[in-house]
Amino acid sequence: MERIVYERMAELDSRHWWYVARRDILAELIRRKVPLPAEPRILEIGCGTGHNLPMLGQFGRLDAVEIDPIARAIASSRLGHAVHDAPLPDLRGVPERAYDLVALLDVLEHVEEDRDALVSIAARLRPNGRILLTVPAHPWMWSAHDVANHHKRRYTKKTLKAVIADAGLKLEELSYFNSVLFPIAAMARVAARLARKEGSGDAMPPKPVNTLFEALFGLERHAIGRLPFPPGVSLAAIASAS
């Protein structure tokens, strides 16, 4: 990603509605749908500046991977020990058959060889381990945000199912999320495209808007993993080695 994206991430990730509510939603999804053993080992790949690490760390002993040196330094300070530098798909130096949960949160869309990346991640799972992954949904929503973040693609349910199956993984859960705010996001993307004025879309909104969006998005934590969601901005999936 562009360096400015990491800098903005580190500045906003404790306050911006998207980061805050998304962490709560994913924590609930893990609690409801990921069976973890006693004293599990967890790995986050592509942890960025480490904004998900406290959330993931509540579930077990945590390691992380990040290839950008600036982001990795910030994440290492947050984690309390060194974050690995191991690019996908090879993950050189990351032990195999070592983890009960591998989190890949808005990372797969950055990787050219997405199938090979999932195969490599599967090799790091312990027996009965799971992969939790999130990706941006709907190719028609492609925007300046995707360009700034160096995305290779946005996924549909069909294409995400296909790459998971091609990697030899068993899909256990697949759901849209960020559905409550999807109509607003969709209209904003279309309007910006028609006006030919698109920004990266990750600036901090005014405090009342930020509070409202956090509350609305955060409502999804009550239903994630329990009820089917209508189309949303993102997709979440849980997969295991078949």
Protein backbone atom coordinates (compact mmCIF):
# COMPACT_ATOMS: atom_id res chain seq x y z
CA MET A 1 0.00 0.00 0.00
CA GLU A 2 0.97 3.65 -0.28
CA ARG A 3 2.98 4.88 2.73
CA ILE A 4 0.36 7.56 3.40
CA VAL A 5 -2.23 4.80 3.83
CA TYR A 6 -0.21 3.23 6.66
CA GLU A 7 0.36 6.62 8.25
CA ARG A 8 -3.36 7.39 8.14
CA MET A 9 -4.14 3.90 9.48
CA ALA A 10 -1.87 4.38 12.50
CA GLU A 11 -3.43 7.79 13.16
CA LEU A 12 -7.07 6.71 12.92
CA ASP A 13 -7.32 3.02 13.78
CA SER A 14 -8.29 3.55 17.42
CA ARG A 15 -11.00 6.13 16.60
CA HIS A 16 -12.39 5.65 13.08
CA TRP A 17 -15.83 4.01 13.05
CA TRP A 18 -14.84 1.35 10.50
CA TYR A 19 -11.88 0.01 12.50
CA VAL A 20 -13.63 0.11 15.88
CA ALA A 21 -16.90 -1.55 14.86
CA ARG A 22 -15.21 -4.06 12.57
CA ARG A 23 -13.01 -5.34 15.42
CA ASP A 24 -16.09 -5.91 17.59
CA ILE A 25 -17.89 -7.75 14.78
CA LEU A 26 -14.94 -10.03 14.01
CA ALA A 27 -14.40 -10.81 17.69
CA GLU A 28 -18.02 -11.98 17.91
CA LEU A 29 -17.60 -14.07 14.76
CA ILE A 30 -14.57 -15.81 16.29
CA ARG A 31 -16.43 -16.48 19.54
CA ARG A 32 -19.40 -18.00 17.74
CA LYS A 33 -17.84 -19.85 14.83
CA VAL A 34 -14.19 -20.70 15.53
CA PRO A 35 -13.67 -23.64 17.90
CA LEU A 36 -10.40 -22.99 19.71
CA PRO A 37 -8.54 -25.39 22.01
CA ALA A 38 -7.09 -24.48 25.37
CA GLU A 39 -4.11 -22.13 24.98
CA PRO A 40 -4.48 -21.62 21.22
CA ARG A 41 -1.83 -20.13 18.97
CA ILE A 42 -3.02 -17.42 16.61
CA LEU A 43 -1.34 -15.74 13.64
CA GLU A 44 -2.39 -12.56 11.86
CA ILE A 45 -0.94 -12.19 8.36
CA GLY A 46 -0.75 -8.67 6.96
CA CYS A 47 -1.35 -7.02 10.32
CA GLY A 48 -0.54 -3.51 9.07
CA THR A 49 0.08 -1.20 12.00
CA GLY A 50 -1.35 -3.77 14.40
CA HIS A 51 -4.81 -2.39 15.03
CA ASN A 52 -6.35 -5.91 15.22
CA LEU A 53 -3.70 -7.35 17.54
CA PRO A 54 -5.34 -6.51 20.91
CA MET A 55 -8.62 -7.99 19.68
CA LEU A 56 -7.00 -11.20 18.41
CA GLY A 57 -4.71 -11.44 21.43
CA GLN A 58 -7.66 -11.95 23.77
CA PHE A 59 -8.20 -15.38 22.19
CA GLY A 60 -4.70 -16.82 22.57
CA ARG A 61 -0.96 -16.50 22.10
CA LEU A 62 -0.44 -14.23 19.11
CA ASP A 63 2.14 -13.87 16.34
CA ALA A 64 1.94 -11.57 13.34
CA VAL A 65 3.35 -10.96 9.86
CA GLU A 66 3.76 -7.62 8.05
CA ILE A 67 6.08 -6.86 5.15
CA ASP A 68 6.05 -3.03 5.25
CA PRO A 69 8.92 -1.97 7.55
CA ILE A 70 7.24 1.15 8.96
CA ALA A 71 3.98 -0.62 9.68
CA ARG A 72 5.88 -3.62 11.07
CA ALA A 73 7.75 -1.45 13.56
CA ILE A 74 4.49 0.06 14.84
CA ALA A 75 2.86 -3.37 15.04
CA SER A 76 5.84 -4.86 16.87
CA SER A 77 5.59 -2.18 19.55
CA ARG A 78 1.89 -2.92 19.93
CA LEU A 79 2.40 -6.69 20.02
CA GLY A 80 5.31 -6.60 22.47
CA HIS A 81 7.57 -8.80 20.35
CA ALA A 82 8.89 -8.85 16.79
CA VAL A 83 6.46 -9.15 13.91
CA HIS A 84 7.66 -11.47 11.12
CA ASP A 85 8.61 -10.22 7.66
CA ALA A 86 7.35 -13.04 5.44
CA PRO A 87 5.56 -12.19 2.19
CA LEU A 88 2.76 -14.27 0.75
CA PRO A 89 2.50 -16.74 -0.76
CA ASP A 90 5.65 -18.50 0.53
CA LEU A 91 5.60 -17.27 4.19
CA ARG A 92 9.25 -18.20 4.55
CA GLY A 93 10.22 -18.67 8.18
CA VAL A 94 6.67 -19.01 9.51
CA PRO A 95 6.37 -22.48 11.07
CA GLU A 96 4.06 -25.06 9.55
CA ARG A 97 1.30 -26.88 11.48
CA ALA A 98 1.69 -24.35 14.30
CA TYR A 99 -1.52 -22.30 14.53
CA ASP A 100 -5.11 -22.90 15.58
CA LEU A 101 -6.34 -19.71 13.90
CA VAL A 102 -4.83 -17.68 11.08
CA ALA A 103 -6.45 -14.28 10.47
CA LEU A 104 -6.18 -12.73 7.03
CA LEU A 105 -8.15 -9.51 7.36
CA ASP A 106 -8.48 -7.47 4.16
CA VAL A 107 -5.22 -8.91 2.85
CA LEU A 108 -6.05 -11.50 0.17
CA GLU A 109 -7.13 -8.81 -2.28
CA HIS A 110 -3.56 -7.45 -2.22
CA VAL A 111 -2.00 -10.76 -3.31
CA GLU A 112 -1.67 -11.64 -7.00
CA GLU A 113 -1.51 -15.39 -6.31
CA ASP A 114 -4.49 -15.62 -3.99
CA ARG A 115 -4.94 -19.39 -4.36
CA ASP A 116 -1.25 -20.07 -3.63
CA ALA A 117 -1.46 -17.78 -0.62
CA LEU A 118 -4.32 -19.81 0.85
CA VAL A 119 -2.48 -23.08 0.20
CA SER A 120 0.54 -21.72 2.05
CA ILE A 121 -1.59 -20.50 4.95
CA ALA A 122 -3.33 -23.87 5.21
CA ALA A 123 0.09 -25.48 5.73
CA ARG A 124 0.50 -23.35 8.87
CA LEU A 125 -2.66 -24.71 10.49
CA ARG A 126 -2.68 -27.28 13.23
CA PRO A 127 -5.19 -30.14 12.88
CA ASN A 128 -8.69 -28.62 13.26
CA GLY A 129 -7.27 -25.13 12.71
CA ARG A 130 -9.23 -22.39 10.95
CA ILE A 131 -8.58 -19.46 8.63
CA LEU A 132 -10.60 -16.30 9.19
CA LEU A 133 -10.49 -13.99 6.21
CA THR A 134 -12.20 -10.81 5.11
CA VAL A 135 -12.16 -9.21 1.68
CA PRO A 136 -13.86 -6.28 -0.05
CA ALA A 137 -17.00 -7.28 -1.96
CA HIS A 138 -18.53 -6.32 -5.31
CA PRO A 139 -16.14 -5.62 -8.21
CA TRP A 140 -18.51 -2.87 -9.42
CA MET A 141 -17.61 -0.89 -6.29
CA TRP A 142 -13.98 -0.52 -7.44
CA SER A 143 -12.81 3.01 -6.60
CA ALA A 144 -9.85 5.23 -5.77
CA HIS A 145 -9.80 3.55 -2.36
CA ASP A 146 -8.90 0.23 -4.02
CA VAL A 147 -6.21 1.91 -6.11
CA ALA A 148 -4.63 3.66 -3.10
CA ASN A 149 -4.59 0.37 -1.20
CA HIS A 150 -3.04 -1.54 -4.15
CA HIS A 151 -5.91 -4.00 -4.38
CA LYS A 152 -5.74 -6.58 -7.15
CA ARG A 153 -9.47 -7.34 -7.04
CA ARG A 154 -12.74 -7.19 -5.13
CA TYR A 155 -14.57 -10.48 -4.61
CA THR A 156 -18.04 -11.86 -5.14
CA LYS A 157 -19.35 -14.74 -3.06
CA LYS A 158 -18.82 -16.95 -6.10
CA THR A 159 -15.20 -15.96 -6.70
CA LEU A 160 -14.29 -16.22 -3.02
CA LYS A 161 -15.88 -19.66 -2.76
CA ALA A 162 -13.97 -20.72 -5.88
CA VAL A 163 -10.52 -19.66 -4.67
CA ILE A 164 -11.11 -21.29 -1.27
CA ALA A 165 -12.12 -24.53 -2.97
CA ASP A 166 -9.22 -24.36 -5.44
CA ALA A 167 -6.84 -24.09 -2.47
CA GLY A 168 -8.19 -27.38 -1.13
CA LEU A 169 -9.94 -25.76 1.83
CA LYS A 170 -13.36 -26.47 3.28
CA LEU A 171 -15.61 -23.42 3.50
CA GLU A 172 -17.44 -23.38 6.84
CA GLU A 173 -18.89 -19.87 6.94
CA LEU A 174 -19.42 -17.15 4.33
CA SER A 175 -21.25 -13.92 5.00
CA TYR A 176 -21.49 -10.37 3.87
CA PHE A 177 -20.95 -7.73 6.53
CA ASN A 178 -20.96 -3.94 6.72
CA SER A 179 -24.48 -4.36 5.34
CA VAL A 180 -26.30 -1.71 7.38
CA LEU A 181 -24.28 1.06 5.74
CA PHE A 182 -24.05 -0.61 2.34
CA PRO A 183 -26.72 1.57 0.65
CA ILE A 184 -24.89 4.72 1.74
CA ALA A 185 -21.54 3.35 0.56
CA ALA A 186 -22.98 2.23 -2.77
CA MET A 187 -24.63 5.58 -3.45
CA ALA A 188 -21.43 7.43 -2.50
CA ARG A 189 -19.35 5.31 -4.90
CA VAL A 190 -21.79 5.82 -7.78
CA ALA A 191 -22.13 9.56 -7.15
CA ALA A 192 -18.36 10.03 -6.98
CA ARG A 193 -17.90 8.08 -10.20
CA LEU A 194 -20.51 10.15 -12.02
CA ALA A 195 -18.90 13.35 -10.77
CA ARG A 196 -15.44 11.97 -11.57
CA LYS A 197 -14.33 13.00 -8.10
CA GLU A 198 -13.14 10.09 -6.01
CA GLY A 199 -11.04 10.17 -2.87
CA SER A 200 -9.53 7.27 -0.96
CA GLY A 201 -12.58 7.26 1.33
CA ASP A 202 -10.76 6.73 4.63
CA ALA A 203 -10.63 10.25 6.08
CA MET A 204 -11.91 10.79 9.60
CA PRO A 205 -15.51 12.02 9.40
CA PRO A 206 -16.93 14.67 11.76
CA LYS A 207 -17.41 13.33 15.28
CA PRO A 208 -21.23 13.05 15.16
CA VAL A 209 -21.05 11.13 11.87
CA ASN A 210 -18.25 8.93 13.18
CA THR A 211 -20.27 8.12 16.31
CA LEU A 212 -23.41 7.36 14.29
CA PHE A 213 -21.62 5.13 11.76
CA GLU A 214 -19.81 3.25 14.54
CA ALA A 215 -23.13 2.58 16.26
CA LEU A 216 -24.89 1.48 13.06
CA PHE A 217 -22.07 -0.74 11.83
CA GLY A 218 -21.58 -2.08 15.34
CA LEU A 219 -25.15 -3.40 15.43
CA GLU A 220 -24.00 -6.21 13.14
CA ARG A 221 -22.04 -7.85 15.96
CA HIS A 222 -25.34 -9.06 17.42
CA ALA A 223 -26.25 -11.00 14.27
CA ILE A 224 -22.93 -12.01 12.68
CA GLY A 225 -22.68 -15.79 12.54
CA ARG A 226 -26.33 -16.13 13.57
CA LEU A 227 -28.37 -14.67 10.73
CA PRO A 228 -27.78 -14.33 6.97
CA PHE A 229 -26.78 -10.79 6.02
CA PRO A 230 -27.95 -8.91 2.93
CA PRO A 231 -25.27 -7.58 0.55
CA GLY A 232 -22.56 -5.59 2.29
CA VAL A 233 -19.34 -3.78 1.56
CA SER A 234 -17.25 -6.76 2.71
CA LEU A 235 -17.24 -10.54 2.87
CA ALA A 236 -16.10 -12.68 5.81
CA ALA A 237 -15.25 -16.37 5.52
CA ILE A 238 -14.06 -19.17 7.80
CA ALA A 239 -12.29 -22.12 6.22
CA SER A 240 -10.47 -25.23 7.39
CA ALA A 241 -8.15 -27.75 5.82
CA SER A 242 -10.36 -30.41 4.21
